[in-house]
């Protein structure tokens, strides 16, 4: 599992490669919080290379969204496969996050 963090314009883009699970959620959380501490406020997490997110992974996304919102920013999600999109709908988390079909859509209008 790897997280790749880079910038596209003034947006921090995090690519999640593999699964977002209990074993790696803290790494994702710390990488994003480090960026928040540096003053970043716009985040897009790209799940185009992700097949599975467990409950702890969902929890860390909710936690990060709350923290970023408190700082006046926004965390968006992009490129969820069909199973992951269903997971977000069933858990009603699709109402918490702005979810885009593609990375490009997610970056629009930030």
PDB file of N, CA and C in Angstrom:
ATOM      1  N   UNK A   1       0.847  -1.176   0.000  1.00  0.00           N
ATOM      2  CA  UNK A   1       0.000   0.000   0.000  1.00  0.00           C
ATOM      3  C   UNK A   1       0.880   1.222   0.000  1.00  0.00           C
ATOM      4  N   UNK A   2       0.520   2.145  -0.843  1.00  0.00           N
ATOM      5  CA  UNK A   2       1.300   3.378  -0.900  1.00  0.00           C
ATOM      6  C   UNK A   2       0.366   4.571  -1.059  1.00  0.00           C
ATOM      7  N   UNK A   3       0.767   5.655  -0.461  1.00  0.00           N
ATOM      8  CA  UNK A   3       0.064   6.922  -0.643  1.00  0.00           C
ATOM      9  C   UNK A   3       1.021   7.858  -1.355  1.00  0.00           C
ATOM     10  N   UNK A   4       0.569   8.430  -2.442  1.00  0.00           N
ATOM     11  CA  UNK A   4       1.387   9.391  -3.154  1.00  0.00           C
ATOM     12  C   UNK A   4       0.727  10.756  -3.005  1.00  0.00           C
ATOM     13  N   UNK A   5       1.468  11.720  -2.483  1.00  0.00           N
ATOM     14  CA  UNK A   5       0.932  13.053  -2.255  1.00  0.00           C
ATOM     15  C   UNK A   5       1.633  14.018  -3.197  1.00  0.00           C
ATOM     16  N   UNK A   6       0.842  14.734  -3.997  1.00  0.00           N
ATOM     17  CA  UNK A   6       1.422  15.770  -4.843  1.00  0.00           C
ATOM     18  C   UNK A   6       0.416  16.900  -5.004  1.00  0.00           C
ATOM     19  N   UNK A   7       0.835  17.969  -5.652  1.00  0.00           N
ATOM     20  CA  UNK A   7      -0.033  19.123  -5.830  1.00  0.00           C
ATOM     21  C   UNK A   7      -0.413  19.282  -7.289  1.00  0.00           C
ATOM     22  N   UNK A   8      -1.672  19.611  -7.488  1.00  0.00           N
ATOM     23  CA  UNK A   8      -2.143  19.993  -8.817  1.00  0.00           C
ATOM     24  C   UNK A   8      -2.754  21.371  -8.628  1.00  0.00           C
ATOM     25  N   UNK A   9      -1.998  22.387  -9.030  1.00  0.00           N
ATOM     26  CA  UNK A   9      -2.405  23.752  -8.746  1.00  0.00           C
ATOM     27  C   UNK A   9      -2.317  23.982  -7.249  1.00  0.00           C
ATOM     28  N   UNK A  10      -3.415  24.462  -6.655  1.00  0.00           N
ATOM     29  CA  UNK A  10      -3.413  24.695  -5.204  1.00  0.00           C
ATOM     30  C   UNK A  10      -4.148  23.597  -4.440  1.00  0.00           C
ATOM     31  N   UNK A  11      -4.308  22.445  -5.086  1.00  0.00           N
ATOM     32  CA  UNK A  11      -4.988  21.305  -4.461  1.00  0.00           C
ATOM     33  C   UNK A  11      -3.968  20.210  -4.155  1.00  0.00           C
ATOM     34  N   UNK A  12      -4.021  19.685  -2.933  1.00  0.00           N
ATOM     35  CA  UNK A  12      -3.194  18.534  -2.564  1.00  0.00           C
ATOM     36  C   UNK A  12      -3.951  17.278  -2.988  1.00  0.00           C
ATOM     37  N   UNK A  13      -3.326  16.484  -3.865  1.00  0.00           N
ATOM     38  CA  UNK A  13      -3.946  15.257  -4.353  1.00  0.00           C
ATOM     39  C   UNK A  13      -3.243  14.064  -3.719  1.00  0.00           C
ATOM     40  N   UNK A  14      -4.052  13.186  -3.113  1.00  0.00           N
ATOM     41  CA  UNK A  14      -3.519  11.977  -2.492  1.00  0.00           C
ATOM     42  C   UNK A  14      -4.024  10.781  -3.291  1.00  0.00           C
ATOM     43  N   UNK A  15      -3.085  10.029  -3.871  1.00  0.00           N
ATOM     44  CA  UNK A  15      -3.439   8.806  -4.579  1.00  0.00           C
ATOM     45  C   UNK A  15      -3.300   7.640  -3.619  1.00  0.00           C
ATOM     46  N   UNK A  16      -4.367   6.855  -3.501  1.00  0.00           N
ATOM     47  CA  UNK A  16      -4.361   5.675  -2.633  1.00  0.00           C
ATOM     48  C   UNK A  16      -4.203   4.457  -3.531  1.00  0.00           C
ATOM     49  N   UNK A  17      -3.107   3.729  -3.342  1.00  0.00           N
ATOM     50  CA  UNK A  17      -2.793   2.582  -4.184  1.00  0.00           C
ATOM     51  C   UNK A  17      -2.966   1.299  -3.366  1.00  0.00           C
ATOM     52  N   UNK A  18      -4.014   0.550  -3.639  1.00  0.00           N
ATOM     53  CA  UNK A  18      -4.261  -0.703  -2.917  1.00  0.00           C
ATOM     54  C   UNK A  18      -5.513  -0.618  -2.078  1.00  0.00           C
ATOM     55  N   UNK A  19      -5.368  -0.797  -0.781  1.00  0.00           N
ATOM     56  CA  UNK A  19      -6.501  -0.790   0.138  1.00  0.00           C
ATOM     57  C   UNK A  19      -6.283   0.263   1.214  1.00  0.00           C
ATOM     58  N   UNK A  20      -7.393   0.799   1.714  1.00  0.00           N
ATOM     59  CA  UNK A  20      -7.332   1.707   2.863  1.00  0.00           C
ATOM     60  C   UNK A  20      -7.940   0.952   4.033  1.00  0.00           C
ATOM     61  N   UNK A  21      -7.060   0.463   4.924  1.00  0.00           N
ATOM     62  CA  UNK A  21      -7.496  -0.441   5.992  1.00  0.00           C
ATOM     63  C   UNK A  21      -6.843  -0.063   7.314  1.00  0.00           C
ATOM     64  N   UNK A  22      -7.194  -0.797   8.356  1.00  0.00           N
ATOM     65  CA  UNK A  22      -6.705  -0.509   9.706  1.00  0.00           C
ATOM     66  C   UNK A  22      -5.177  -0.428   9.760  1.00  0.00           C
ATOM     67  N   UNK A  23      -4.500  -1.222   8.962  1.00  0.00           N
ATOM     68  CA  UNK A  23      -3.046  -1.260   9.010  1.00  0.00           C
ATOM     69  C   UNK A  23      -2.336  -0.049   8.433  1.00  0.00           C
ATOM     70  N   UNK A  24      -3.024   0.745   7.601  1.00  0.00           N
ATOM     71  CA  UNK A  24      -2.333   1.876   6.987  1.00  0.00           C
ATOM     72  C   UNK A  24      -3.058   3.208   7.148  1.00  0.00           C
ATOM     73  N   UNK A  25      -4.192   3.203   7.824  1.00  0.00           N
ATOM     74  CA  UNK A  25      -4.985   4.424   7.924  1.00  0.00           C
ATOM     75  C   UNK A  25      -4.242   5.544   8.626  1.00  0.00           C
ATOM     76  N   UNK A  26      -3.421   5.194   9.625  1.00  0.00           N
ATOM     77  CA  UNK A  26      -2.681   6.229  10.362  1.00  0.00           C
ATOM     78  C   UNK A  26      -1.682   6.942   9.468  1.00  0.00           C
ATOM     79  N   UNK A  27      -1.087   6.203   8.533  1.00  0.00           N
ATOM     80  CA  UNK A  27      -0.139   6.830   7.607  1.00  0.00           C
ATOM     81  C   UNK A  27      -0.856   7.873   6.749  1.00  0.00           C
ATOM     82  N   UNK A  28      -2.019   7.513   6.219  1.00  0.00           N
ATOM     83  CA  UNK A  28      -2.794   8.471   5.425  1.00  0.00           C
ATOM     84  C   UNK A  28      -3.157   9.686   6.266  1.00  0.00           C
ATOM     85  N   UNK A  29      -3.654   9.430   7.470  1.00  0.00           N
ATOM     86  CA  UNK A  29      -4.069  10.524   8.347  1.00  0.00           C
ATOM     87  C   UNK A  29      -2.906  11.472   8.621  1.00  0.00           C
ATOM     88  N   UNK A  30      -1.745  10.935   8.942  1.00  0.00           N
ATOM     89  CA  UNK A  30      -0.595  11.774   9.268  1.00  0.00           C
ATOM     90  C   UNK A  30      -0.123  12.570   8.056  1.00  0.00           C
ATOM     91  N   UNK A  31      -0.117  11.940   6.883  1.00  0.00           N
ATOM     92  CA  UNK A  31       0.326  12.644   5.668  1.00  0.00           C
ATOM     93  C   UNK A  31      -0.575  13.840   5.384  1.00  0.00           C
ATOM     94  N   UNK A  32      -1.894  13.651   5.532  1.00  0.00           N
ATOM     95  CA  UNK A  32      -2.827  14.751   5.273  1.00  0.00           C
ATOM     96  C   UNK A  32      -2.721  15.814   6.364  1.00  0.00           C
ATOM     97  N   UNK A  33      -2.653  15.397   7.625  1.00  0.00           N
ATOM     98  CA  UNK A  33      -2.550  16.374   8.719  1.00  0.00           C
ATOM     99  C   UNK A  33      -1.266  17.205   8.618  1.00  0.00           C
ATOM    100  N   UNK A  34      -0.183  16.603   8.148  1.00  0.00           N
ATOM    101  CA  UNK A  34       1.049  17.359   7.927  1.00  0.00           C
ATOM    102  C   UNK A  34       0.817  18.483   6.912  1.00  0.00           C
ATOM    103  N   UNK A  35       0.061  18.178   5.868  1.00  0.00           N
ATOM    104  CA  UNK A  35      -0.245  19.189   4.851  1.00  0.00           C
ATOM    105  C   UNK A  35      -1.154  20.290   5.423  1.00  0.00           C
ATOM    106  N   UNK A  36      -2.111  19.892   6.271  1.00  0.00           N
ATOM    107  CA  UNK A  36      -3.001  20.870   6.910  1.00  0.00           C
ATOM    108  C   UNK A  36      -2.179  21.820   7.783  1.00  0.00           C
ATOM    109  N   UNK A  37      -1.234  21.261   8.529  1.00  0.00           N
ATOM    110  CA  UNK A  37      -0.385  22.079   9.391  1.00  0.00           C
ATOM    111  C   UNK A  37       0.467  23.064   8.598  1.00  0.00           C
ATOM    112  N   UNK A  38       0.768  22.706   7.353  1.00  0.00           N
ATOM    113  CA  UNK A  38       1.542  23.602   6.487  1.00  0.00           C
ATOM    114  C   UNK A  38       0.658  24.645   5.806  1.00  0.00           C
ATOM    115  N   UNK A  39      -0.641  24.612   6.121  1.00  0.00           N
ATOM    116  CA  UNK A  39      -1.542  25.625   5.579  1.00  0.00           C
ATOM    117  C   UNK A  39      -2.389  25.204   4.399  1.00  0.00           C
ATOM    118  N   UNK A  40      -2.269  23.961   3.984  1.00  0.00           N
ATOM    119  CA  UNK A  40      -3.079  23.486   2.854  1.00  0.00           C
ATOM    120  C   UNK A  40      -4.534  23.324   3.291  1.00  0.00           C
ATOM    121  N   UNK A  41      -5.464  23.643   2.395  1.00  0.00           N
ATOM    122  CA  UNK A  41      -6.889  23.567   2.734  1.00  0.00           C
ATOM    123  C   UNK A  41      -7.729  22.822   1.706  1.00  0.00           C
ATOM    124  N   UNK A  42      -7.175  22.529   0.554  1.00  0.00           N
ATOM    125  CA  UNK A  42      -7.921  21.854  -0.511  1.00  0.00           C
ATOM    126  C   UNK A  42      -7.297  20.490  -0.769  1.00  0.00           C
ATOM    127  N   UNK A  43      -8.119  19.450  -0.581  1.00  0.00           N
ATOM    128  CA  UNK A  43      -7.625  18.078  -0.711  1.00  0.00           C
ATOM    129  C   UNK A  43      -8.542  17.255  -1.606  1.00  0.00           C
ATOM    130  N   UNK A  44      -7.925  16.421  -2.427  1.00  0.00           N
ATOM    131  CA  UNK A  44      -8.654  15.460  -3.244  1.00  0.00           C
ATOM    132  C   UNK A  44      -7.984  14.108  -3.053  1.00  0.00           C
ATOM    133  N   UNK A  45      -8.766  13.117  -2.639  1.00  0.00           N
ATOM    134  CA  UNK A  45      -8.242  11.760  -2.502  1.00  0.00           C
ATOM    135  C   UNK A  45      -8.730  10.963  -3.707  1.00  0.00           C
ATOM    136  N   UNK A  46      -7.782  10.437  -4.477  1.00  0.00           N
ATOM    137  CA  UNK A  46      -8.084   9.698  -5.702  1.00  0.00           C
ATOM    138  C   UNK A  46      -8.010   8.205  -5.405  1.00  0.00           C
ATOM    139  N   UNK A  47      -9.139   7.522  -5.600  1.00  0.00           N
ATOM    140  CA  UNK A  47      -9.232   6.089  -5.312  1.00  0.00           C
ATOM    141  C   UNK A  47      -9.238   5.236  -6.580  1.00  0.00           C
ATOM    142  N   UNK A  48      -8.706   5.753  -7.689  1.00  0.00           N
ATOM    143  CA  UNK A  48      -8.749   5.004  -8.949  1.00  0.00           C
ATOM    144  C   UNK A  48      -7.962   3.692  -8.882  1.00  0.00           C
ATOM    145  N   UNK A  49      -7.012   3.585  -7.946  1.00  0.00           N
ATOM    146  CA  UNK A  49      -6.214   2.357  -7.807  1.00  0.00           C
ATOM    147  C   UNK A  49      -6.505   1.659  -6.481  1.00  0.00           C
ATOM    148  N   UNK A  50      -7.722   1.863  -5.971  1.00  0.00           N
ATOM    149  CA  UNK A  50      -8.107   1.301  -4.675  1.00  0.00           C
ATOM    150  C   UNK A  50      -9.272   0.330  -4.855  1.00  0.00           C
ATOM    151  N   UNK A  51      -9.151  -0.843  -4.261  1.00  0.00           N
ATOM    152  CA  UNK A  51     -10.205  -1.833  -4.389  1.00  0.00           C
ATOM    153  C   UNK A  51     -11.036  -2.032  -3.134  1.00  0.00           C
ATOM    154  N   UNK A  52     -10.529  -1.570  -1.983  1.00  0.00           N
ATOM    155  CA  UNK A  52     -11.221  -1.887  -0.733  1.00  0.00           C
ATOM    156  C   UNK A  52     -10.916  -0.835   0.324  1.00  0.00           C
ATOM    157  N   UNK A  53     -11.950  -0.457   1.053  1.00  0.00           N
ATOM    158  CA  UNK A  53     -11.810   0.438   2.204  1.00  0.00           C
ATOM    159  C   UNK A  53     -12.575  -0.213   3.351  1.00  0.00           C
ATOM    160  N   UNK A  54     -11.915  -0.437   4.496  1.00  0.00           N
ATOM    161  CA  UNK A  54     -12.637  -1.019   5.638  1.00  0.00           C
ATOM    162  C   UNK A  54     -13.206   0.095   6.517  1.00  0.00           C
ATOM    163  N   UNK A  55     -13.871  -0.297   7.597  1.00  0.00           N
ATOM    164  CA  UNK A  55     -14.552   0.694   8.443  1.00  0.00           C
ATOM    165  C   UNK A  55     -13.573   1.681   9.065  1.00  0.00           C
ATOM    166  N   UNK A  56     -12.368   1.228   9.388  1.00  0.00           N
ATOM    167  CA  UNK A  56     -11.392   2.163   9.960  1.00  0.00           C
ATOM    168  C   UNK A  56     -10.921   3.153   8.901  1.00  0.00           C
ATOM    169  N   UNK A  57     -10.855   2.714   7.655  1.00  0.00           N
ATOM    170  CA  UNK A  57     -10.518   3.612   6.556  1.00  0.00           C
ATOM    171  C   UNK A  57     -11.583   4.676   6.369  1.00  0.00           C
ATOM    172  N   UNK A  58     -12.851   4.255   6.446  1.00  0.00           N
ATOM    173  CA  UNK A  58     -13.951   5.229   6.365  1.00  0.00           C
ATOM    174  C   UNK A  58     -13.865   6.209   7.534  1.00  0.00           C
ATOM    175  N   UNK A  59     -13.559   5.686   8.709  1.00  0.00           N
ATOM    176  CA  UNK A  59     -13.465   6.528   9.900  1.00  0.00           C
ATOM    177  C   UNK A  59     -12.398   7.596   9.769  1.00  0.00           C
ATOM    178  N   UNK A  60     -11.255   7.231   9.196  1.00  0.00           N
ATOM    179  CA  UNK A  60     -10.184   8.217   9.057  1.00  0.00           C
ATOM    180  C   UNK A  60     -10.568   9.277   8.031  1.00  0.00           C
ATOM    181  N   UNK A  61     -11.296   8.910   6.993  1.00  0.00           N
ATOM    182  CA  UNK A  61     -11.751   9.905   6.014  1.00  0.00           C
ATOM    183  C   UNK A  61     -12.721  10.894   6.652  1.00  0.00           C
ATOM    184  N   UNK A  62     -13.627  10.388   7.489  1.00  0.00           N
ATOM    185  CA  UNK A  62     -14.575  11.260   8.190  1.00  0.00           C
ATOM    186  C   UNK A  62     -13.825  12.196   9.134  1.00  0.00           C
ATOM    187  N   UNK A  63     -12.882  11.643   9.876  1.00  0.00           N
ATOM    188  CA  UNK A  63     -12.085  12.434  10.813  1.00  0.00           C
ATOM    189  C   UNK A  63     -11.310  13.533  10.084  1.00  0.00           C
ATOM    190  N   UNK A  64     -10.676  13.185   8.966  1.00  0.00           N
ATOM    191  CA  UNK A  64      -9.921  14.176   8.204  1.00  0.00           C
ATOM    192  C   UNK A  64     -10.830  15.251   7.628  1.00  0.00           C
ATOM    193  N   UNK A  65     -11.987  14.840   7.138  1.00  0.00           N
ATOM    194  CA  UNK A  65     -12.932  15.808   6.588  1.00  0.00           C
ATOM    195  C   UNK A  65     -13.337  16.832   7.638  1.00  0.00           C
ATOM    196  N   UNK A  66     -13.622  16.344   8.844  1.00  0.00           N
ATOM    197  CA  UNK A  66     -14.017  17.235   9.937  1.00  0.00           C
ATOM    198  C   UNK A  66     -12.890  18.210  10.280  1.00  0.00           C
ATOM    199  N   UNK A  67     -11.676  17.695  10.395  1.00  0.00           N
ATOM    200  CA  UNK A  67     -10.521  18.523  10.738  1.00  0.00           C
ATOM    201  C   UNK A  67     -10.263  19.590   9.662  1.00  0.00           C
ATOM    202  N   UNK A  68     -10.338  19.171   8.408  1.00  0.00           N
ATOM    203  CA  UNK A  68     -10.092  20.103   7.301  1.00  0.00           C
ATOM    204  C   UNK A  68     -11.190  21.162   7.244  1.00  0.00           C
ATOM    205  N   UNK A  69     -12.440  20.745   7.473  1.00  0.00           N
ATOM    206  CA  UNK A  69     -13.553  21.711   7.492  1.00  0.00           C
ATOM    207  C   UNK A  69     -13.386  22.733   8.601  1.00  0.00           C
ATOM    208  N   UNK A  70     -12.930  22.287   9.757  1.00  0.00           N
ATOM    209  CA  UNK A  70     -12.699  23.206  10.887  1.00  0.00           C
ATOM    210  C   UNK A  70     -11.669  24.272  10.532  1.00  0.00           C
ATOM    211  N   UNK A  71     -10.774  23.944   9.604  1.00  0.00           N
ATOM    212  CA  UNK A  71      -9.741  24.885   9.168  1.00  0.00           C
ATOM    213  C   UNK A  71     -10.184  25.695   7.947  1.00  0.00           C
ATOM    214  N   UNK A  72     -11.462  25.538   7.557  1.00  0.00           N
ATOM    215  CA  UNK A  72     -11.990  26.285   6.423  1.00  0.00           C
ATOM    216  C   UNK A  72     -11.698  25.662   5.072  1.00  0.00           C
ATOM    217  N   UNK A  73     -11.358  24.371   5.066  1.00  0.00           N
ATOM    218  CA  UNK A  73     -11.030  23.699   3.820  1.00  0.00           C
ATOM    219  C   UNK A  73     -12.052  22.651   3.426  1.00  0.00           C
ATOM    220  N   UNK A  74     -11.670  21.834   2.444  1.00  0.00           N
ATOM    221  CA  UNK A  74     -12.572  20.794   1.956  1.00  0.00           C
ATOM    222  C   UNK A  74     -11.776  19.574   1.519  1.00  0.00           C
ATOM    223  N   UNK A  75     -12.327  18.402   1.815  1.00  0.00           N
ATOM    224  CA  UNK A  75     -11.767  17.122   1.380  1.00  0.00           C
ATOM    225  C   UNK A  75     -12.753  16.505   0.406  1.00  0.00           C
ATOM    226  N   UNK A  76     -12.299  16.269  -0.822  1.00  0.00           N
ATOM    227  CA  UNK A  76     -13.142  15.646  -1.841  1.00  0.00           C
ATOM    228  C   UNK A  76     -12.584  14.273  -2.194  1.00  0.00           C
ATOM    229  N   UNK A  77     -13.457  13.435  -2.734  1.00  0.00           N
ATOM    230  CA  UNK A  77     -13.075  12.088  -3.151  1.00  0.00           C
ATOM    231  C   UNK A  77     -13.331  11.937  -4.647  1.00  0.00           C
ATOM    232  N   UNK A  78     -12.511  11.112  -5.295  1.00  0.00           N
ATOM    233  CA  UNK A  78     -12.689  10.886  -6.729  1.00  0.00           C
ATOM    234  C   UNK A  78     -12.385   9.441  -7.094  1.00  0.00           C
ATOM    235  N   UNK A  79     -12.993   9.016  -8.190  1.00  0.00           N
ATOM    236  CA  UNK A  79     -12.682   7.737  -8.849  1.00  0.00           C
ATOM    237  C   UNK A  79     -12.966   6.509  -7.998  1.00  0.00           C
ATOM    238  N   UNK A  80     -14.098   6.526  -7.283  1.00  0.00           N
ATOM    239  CA  UNK A  80     -14.496   5.335  -6.531  1.00  0.00           C
ATOM    240  C   UNK A  80     -15.039   4.294  -7.512  1.00  0.00           C
ATOM    241  N   UNK A  81     -14.630   3.031  -7.338  1.00  0.00           N
ATOM    242  CA  UNK A  81     -15.220   1.995  -8.182  1.00  0.00           C
ATOM    243  C   UNK A  81     -16.667   1.755  -7.730  1.00  0.00           C
ATOM    244  N   UNK A  82     -17.362   0.901  -8.437  1.00  0.00           N
ATOM    245  CA  UNK A  82     -18.783   0.694  -8.159  1.00  0.00           C
ATOM    246  C   UNK A  82     -19.026   0.195  -6.731  1.00  0.00           C
ATOM    247  N   UNK A  83     -18.196  -0.748  -6.274  1.00  0.00           N
ATOM    248  CA  UNK A  83     -18.357  -1.285  -4.917  1.00  0.00           C
ATOM    249  C   UNK A  83     -18.127  -0.205  -3.857  1.00  0.00           C
ATOM    250  N   UNK A  84     -17.094   0.602  -4.061  1.00  0.00           N
ATOM    251  CA  UNK A  84     -16.808   1.656  -3.076  1.00  0.00           C
ATOM    252  C   UNK A  84     -17.897   2.727  -3.084  1.00  0.00           C
ATOM    253  N   UNK A  85     -18.403   3.065  -4.256  1.00  0.00           N
ATOM    254  CA  UNK A  85     -19.473   4.059  -4.316  1.00  0.00           C
ATOM    255  C   UNK A  85     -20.709   3.537  -3.571  1.00  0.00           C
ATOM    256  N   UNK A  86     -21.016   2.246  -3.746  1.00  0.00           N
ATOM    257  CA  UNK A  86     -22.140   1.640  -3.034  1.00  0.00           C
ATOM    258  C   UNK A  86     -21.909   1.697  -1.532  1.00  0.00           C
ATOM    259  N   UNK A  87     -20.681   1.428  -1.091  1.00  0.00           N
ATOM    260  CA  UNK A  87     -20.341   1.500   0.325  1.00  0.00           C
ATOM    261  C   UNK A  87     -20.624   2.899   0.877  1.00  0.00           C
ATOM    262  N   UNK A  88     -20.214   3.926   0.146  1.00  0.00           N
ATOM    263  CA  UNK A  88     -20.445   5.296   0.603  1.00  0.00           C
ATOM    264  C   UNK A  88     -21.936   5.634   0.620  1.00  0.00           C
ATOM    265  N   UNK A  89     -22.691   5.098  -0.325  1.00  0.00           N
ATOM    266  CA  UNK A  89     -24.140   5.333  -0.347  1.00  0.00           C
ATOM    267  C   UNK A  89     -24.825   4.623   0.814  1.00  0.00           C
ATOM    268  N   UNK A  90     -24.462   3.364   1.075  1.00  0.00           N
ATOM    269  CA  UNK A  90     -25.090   2.602   2.153  1.00  0.00           C
ATOM    270  C   UNK A  90     -24.804   3.202   3.531  1.00  0.00           C
ATOM    271  N   UNK A  91     -23.623   3.771   3.683  1.00  0.00           N
ATOM    272  CA  UNK A  91     -23.252   4.368   4.964  1.00  0.00           C
ATOM    273  C   UNK A  91     -23.642   5.842   5.044  1.00  0.00           C
ATOM    274  N   UNK A  92     -24.280   6.328   3.979  1.00  0.00           N
ATOM    275  CA  UNK A  92     -24.720   7.734   3.889  1.00  0.00           C
ATOM    276  C   UNK A  92     -23.553   8.717   3.872  1.00  0.00           C
ATOM    277  N   UNK A  93     -22.342   8.214   3.679  1.00  0.00           N
ATOM    278  CA  UNK A  93     -21.186   9.111   3.626  1.00  0.00           C
ATOM    279  C   UNK A  93     -21.115   9.879   2.311  1.00  0.00           C
ATOM    280  N   UNK A  94     -21.924   9.449   1.333  1.00  0.00           N
ATOM    281  CA  UNK A  94     -21.970  10.216   0.084  1.00  0.00           C
ATOM    282  C   UNK A  94     -22.583  11.599   0.306  1.00  0.00           C
ATOM    283  N   UNK A  95     -23.245  11.787   1.457  1.00  0.00           N
ATOM    284  CA  UNK A  95     -23.800  13.112   1.764  1.00  0.00           C
ATOM    285  C   UNK A  95     -22.769  13.994   2.468  1.00  0.00           C
ATOM    286  N   UNK A  96     -21.715  13.393   2.998  1.00  0.00           N
ATOM    287  CA  UNK A  96     -20.669  14.138   3.697  1.00  0.00           C
ATOM    288  C   UNK A  96     -19.595  14.632   2.730  1.00  0.00           C
ATOM    289  N   UNK A  97     -19.289  13.815   1.732  1.00  0.00           N
ATOM    290  CA  UNK A  97     -18.206  14.122   0.808  1.00  0.00           C
ATOM    291  C   UNK A  97     -18.742  14.511  -0.566  1.00  0.00           C
ATOM    292  N   UNK A  98     -18.021  15.396  -1.228  1.00  0.00           N
ATOM    293  CA  UNK A  98     -18.277  15.624  -2.643  1.00  0.00           C
ATOM    294  C   UNK A  98     -17.489  14.549  -3.378  1.00  0.00           C
ATOM    295  N   UNK A  99     -18.200  13.673  -4.089  1.00  0.00           N
ATOM    296  CA  UNK A  99     -17.582  12.541  -4.765  1.00  0.00           C
ATOM    297  C   UNK A  99     -17.698  12.739  -6.272  1.00  0.00           C
ATOM    298  N   UNK A 100     -16.565  12.683  -6.950  1.00  0.00           N
ATOM    299  CA  UNK A 100     -16.534  12.868  -8.396  1.00  0.00           C
ATOM    300  C   UNK A 100     -16.153  11.563  -9.083  1.00  0.00           C
ATOM    301  N   UNK A 101     -16.627  11.404 -10.320  1.00  0.00           N
ATOM    302  CA  UNK A 101     -16.313  10.195 -11.082  1.00  0.00           C
ATOM    303  C   UNK A 101     -14.852  10.148 -11.497  1.00  0.00           C
ATOM    304  N   UNK A 102     -14.270  11.320 -11.759  1.00  0.00           N
ATOM    305  CA  UNK A 102     -12.885  11.372 -12.218  1.00  0.00           C
ATOM    306  C   UNK A 102     -12.088  12.384 -11.398  1.00  0.00           C
ATOM    307  N   UNK A 103     -10.782  12.250 -11.462  1.00  0.00           N
ATOM    308  CA  UNK A 103      -9.865  13.177 -10.802  1.00  0.00           C
ATOM    309  C   UNK A 103     -10.091  14.609 -11.333  1.00  0.00           C
ATOM    310  N   UNK A 104     -10.247  14.711 -12.659  1.00  0.00           N
ATOM    311  CA  UNK A 104     -10.425  16.022 -13.281  1.00  0.00           C
ATOM    312  C   UNK A 104     -11.693  16.701 -12.766  1.00  0.00           C
ATOM    313  N   UNK A 105     -12.781  15.936 -12.677  1.00  0.00           N
ATOM    314  CA  UNK A 105     -14.032  16.496 -12.142  1.00  0.00           C
ATOM    315  C   UNK A 105     -13.848  16.955 -10.703  1.00  0.00           C
ATOM    316  N   UNK A 106     -13.108  16.189  -9.928  1.00  0.00           N
ATOM    317  CA  UNK A 106     -12.871  16.528  -8.537  1.00  0.00           C
ATOM    318  C   UNK A 106     -12.094  17.821  -8.373  1.00  0.00           C
ATOM    319  N   UNK A 107     -11.215  18.105  -9.299  1.00  0.00           N
ATOM    320  CA  UNK A 107     -10.397  19.317  -9.233  1.00  0.00           C
ATOM    321  C   UNK A 107     -11.145  20.563  -9.718  1.00  0.00           C
ATOM    322  N   UNK A 108     -12.193  20.358 -10.510  1.00  0.00           N
ATOM    323  CA  UNK A 108     -12.943  21.486 -11.063  1.00  0.00           C
ATOM    324  C   UNK A 108     -13.617  22.301  -9.965  1.00  0.00           C
ATOM    325  N   UNK A 109     -13.545  23.593 -10.101  1.00  0.00           N
ATOM    326  CA  UNK A 109     -14.275  24.492  -9.220  1.00  0.00           C
ATOM    327  C   UNK A 109     -13.833  24.486  -7.778  1.00  0.00           C
ATOM    328  N   UNK A 110     -12.625  24.049  -7.522  1.00  0.00           N
ATOM    329  CA  UNK A 110     -12.125  24.029  -6.143  1.00  0.00           C
ATOM    330  C   UNK A 110     -11.840  25.438  -5.685  1.00  0.00           C
TER     331      UNK A 110
END
